[in-house]
C-alpha atoms as a PDB file:
ATOM      1  CA  ASN A   1      -8.270  18.340 -13.249  1.00  0.00           C
ATOM      2  CA  HIS A   2      -8.940  15.397 -10.874  1.00  0.00           C
ATOM      3  CA  PRO A   3     -11.026  14.809  -7.739  1.00  0.00           C
ATOM      4  CA  HIS A   4      -9.237  15.478  -4.534  1.00  0.00           C
ATOM      5  CA  ASN A   5     -10.188  11.964  -3.047  1.00  0.00           C
ATOM      6  CA  ILE A   6      -8.600   8.526  -3.625  1.00  0.00           C
ATOM      7  CA  LEU A   7     -11.873   6.774  -3.985  1.00  0.00           C
ATOM      8  CA  LEU A   8     -13.666   9.545  -6.301  1.00  0.00           C
ATOM      9  CA  ASP A   9     -10.499   9.332  -8.452  1.00  0.00           C
ATOM     10  CA  PHE A  10     -10.439   5.462  -8.880  1.00  0.00           C
ATOM     11  CA  ALA A  11     -14.295   5.958  -9.608  1.00  0.00           C
ATOM     12  CA  THR A  12     -13.734   8.681 -12.341  1.00  0.00           C
ATOM     13  CA  ARG A  13     -10.905   7.339 -13.813  1.00  0.00           C
ATOM     14  CA  LEU A  14     -11.812   3.558 -13.977  1.00  0.00           C
ATOM     15  CA  GLY A  15     -15.409   3.447 -13.326  1.00  0.00           C
ATOM     16  CA  LEU A  16     -17.200   1.123 -11.052  1.00  0.00           C
ATOM     17  CA  LEU A  17     -15.064  -1.909 -11.850  1.00  0.00           C
ATOM     18  CA  GLY A  18     -11.949   0.352 -11.129  1.00  0.00           C
ATOM     19  CA  LEU A  19     -13.229   1.695  -7.880  1.00  0.00           C
ATOM     20  CA  LEU A  20     -13.857  -2.001  -6.634  1.00  0.00           C
ATOM     21  CA  SER A  21     -10.399  -3.013  -7.960  1.00  0.00           C
ATOM     22  CA  GLY A  22      -8.793   0.169  -6.301  1.00  0.00           C
ATOM     23  CA  GLY A  23     -10.414  -0.848  -3.002  1.00  0.00           C
ATOM     24  CA  TRP A  24      -9.603  -4.208  -3.232  1.00  0.00           C
ATOM     25  CA  LEU A  25      -5.875  -3.427  -3.940  1.00  0.00           C
ATOM     26  CA  LEU A  26      -5.868  -0.979  -0.768  1.00  0.00           C
ATOM     27  CA  TRP A  27      -7.351  -3.858   1.277  1.00  0.00           C
ATOM     28  CA  GLN A  28      -4.774  -6.415   0.011  1.00  0.00           C
ATOM     29  CA  LEU A  29      -1.967  -4.047   0.917  1.00  0.00           C
ATOM     30  CA  GLY A  30      -3.515  -3.614   4.547  1.00  0.00           C
ATOM     31  CA  SER A  31      -3.904  -7.495   4.987  1.00  0.00           C
ATOM     32  CA  THR A  32      -0.499  -8.134   3.654  1.00  0.00           C
ATOM     33  CA  LEU A  33       1.278  -5.634   5.992  1.00  0.00           C
ATOM     34  CA  LYS A  34      -0.453  -7.138   8.756  1.00  0.00           C
ATOM     35  CA  GLN A  35       0.554 -10.875   7.709  1.00  0.00           C
ATOM     36  CA  ALA A  36       4.065  -9.552   7.114  1.00  0.00           C
ATOM     37  CA  TRP A  37       4.128  -8.063  10.743  1.00  0.00           C
ATOM     38  CA  ALA A  38       3.145 -11.699  12.105  1.00  0.00           C
ATOM     39  CA  THR A  39       5.895 -13.564   9.929  1.00  0.00           C
ATOM     40  CA  ALA A  40       8.973 -11.033   9.673  1.00  0.00           C
ATOM     41  CA  ASP A  41      11.813 -11.599  11.893  1.00  0.00           C
ATOM     42  CA  ALA A  42      12.570  -8.832  14.606  1.00  0.00           C
ATOM     43  CA  ALA A  43      15.307  -7.363  12.294  1.00  0.00           C
ATOM     44  CA  TRP A  44      12.403  -6.655   9.473  1.00  0.00           C
ATOM     45  CA  GLN A  45       9.709  -5.618  11.497  1.00  0.00           C
ATOM     46  CA  PRO A  46      10.878  -2.019  11.697  1.00  0.00           C
ATOM     47  CA  VAL A  47      10.579  -2.115   7.724  1.00  0.00           C
ATOM     48  CA  VAL A  48       6.950  -3.318   8.216  1.00  0.00           C
ATOM     49  CA  VAL A  49       5.939  -0.530  10.781  1.00  0.00           C
ATOM     50  CA  GLY A  50       7.382   2.139   8.601  1.00  0.00           C
ATOM     51  CA  PHE A  51       5.336   0.590   5.466  1.00  0.00           C
ATOM     52  CA  SER A  52       2.243   0.531   7.654  1.00  0.00           C
ATOM     53  CA  GLY A  53       2.983   4.158   8.619  1.00  0.00           C
ATOM     54  CA  ALA A  54       3.322   5.104   5.009  1.00  0.00           C
ATOM     55  CA  PHE A  55       0.392   3.338   4.044  1.00  0.00           C
ATOM     56  CA  ILE A  56      -1.510   5.236   6.679  1.00  0.00           C
ATOM     57  CA  ALA A  57      -0.305   8.406   5.514  1.00  0.00           C
ATOM     58  CA  MET A  58      -1.079   7.591   1.749  1.00  0.00           C
ATOM     59  CA  LEU A  59      -4.759   6.793   2.926  1.00  0.00           C
ATOM     60  CA  ALA A  60      -5.105   9.960   4.856  1.00  0.00           C
ATOM     61  CA  HIS A  61      -3.511  12.045   2.016  1.00  0.00           C
ATOM     62  CA  GLY A  62      -5.814  10.616  -0.426  1.00  0.00           C
ATOM     63  CA  LEU A  63      -8.825  11.750   1.272  1.00  0.00           C
ATOM     64  CA  VAL A  64      -7.842  15.180   0.575  1.00  0.00           C
ATOM     65  CA  ASP A  65      -5.598  15.140  -2.507  1.00  0.00           C
ATOM     66  CA  HIS A  66      -4.743  13.695  -5.846  1.00  0.00           C
ATOM     67  CA  SER A  67      -2.441  10.996  -4.577  1.00  0.00           C
ATOM     68  CA  PHE A  68      -2.405   7.386  -6.365  1.00  0.00           C
ATOM     69  CA  PHE A  69      -2.480   8.129 -10.111  1.00  0.00           C
ATOM     70  CA  LEU A  70       0.937  10.243 -10.070  1.00  0.00           C
ATOM     71  CA  VAL A  71       3.936   7.958 -11.313  1.00  0.00           C
ATOM     72  CA  ASP A  72       6.008   8.377  -8.135  1.00  0.00           C
ATOM     73  CA  LEU A  73       3.438   8.020  -5.744  1.00  0.00           C
ATOM     74  CA  ALA A  74       2.186   4.925  -7.659  1.00  0.00           C
ATOM     75  CA  PHE A  75       5.666   3.581  -7.708  1.00  0.00           C
ATOM     76  CA  ILE A  76       6.131   3.886  -3.851  1.00  0.00           C
ATOM     77  CA  PHE A  77       2.758   2.150  -3.316  1.00  0.00           C
ATOM     78  CA  TYR A  78       3.593  -0.965  -5.636  1.00  0.00           C
ATOM     79  CA  LEU A  79       7.267  -1.046  -4.144  1.00  0.00           C
ATOM     80  CA  MET A  80       5.688  -1.150  -0.524  1.00  0.00           C
ATOM     81  CA  LEU A  81       3.215  -3.844  -1.805  1.00  0.00           C
ATOM     82  CA  ALA A  82       5.959  -6.026  -3.442  1.00  0.00           C
ATOM     83  CA  THR A  83       8.161  -5.752  -0.404  1.00  0.00           C
ATOM     84  CA  ALA A  84       5.161  -6.623   2.051  1.00  0.00           C
ATOM     85  CA  VAL A  85       4.469  -9.792  -0.187  1.00  0.00           C
ATOM     86  CA  TRP A  86       8.229 -10.758  -0.308  1.00  0.00           C
ATOM     87  CA  LEU A  87       8.545 -10.333   3.660  1.00  0.00           C
ATOM     88  CA  THR A  88       5.494 -12.982   3.831  1.00  0.00           C
ATOM     89  CA  HIS A  89       6.787 -15.527   0.996  1.00  0.00           C
ATOM     90  CA  THR A  90      10.580 -15.770   2.262  1.00  0.00           C
ATOM     91  CA  ASN A  91      12.614 -16.756   5.118  1.00  0.00           C
ATOM     92  CA  HIS A  92      14.947 -13.623   6.248  1.00  0.00           C
ATOM     93  CA  PRO A  93      17.953 -14.278   8.405  1.00  0.00           C
ATOM     94  CA  SER A  94      18.444 -11.801  11.086  1.00  0.00           C
ATOM     95  CA  SER A  95      21.993 -11.367  10.301  1.00  0.00           C
ATOM     96  CA  ALA A  96      24.019 -11.926   7.044  1.00  0.00           C
END
């Protein structure tokens, strides 16, 4: 049994420090996606748009259901975060 809200889920599983860490992590993904949009080549911008849509959907879903502490959904979250960070730190040629 679990709370059906991402914020309450972080708070009940990890306490106040976990809630703050979870909020920081979500904030970082949003700001990293914003930075990735600004720095990505035109060929990679659709990927950033897709990740942004997935992030918004994950947040919306997290308001009404258990979403972050399931292994498959957490994997997708961290995959999006890692790819967004990669997009902000490397040069990406438009064509190979």
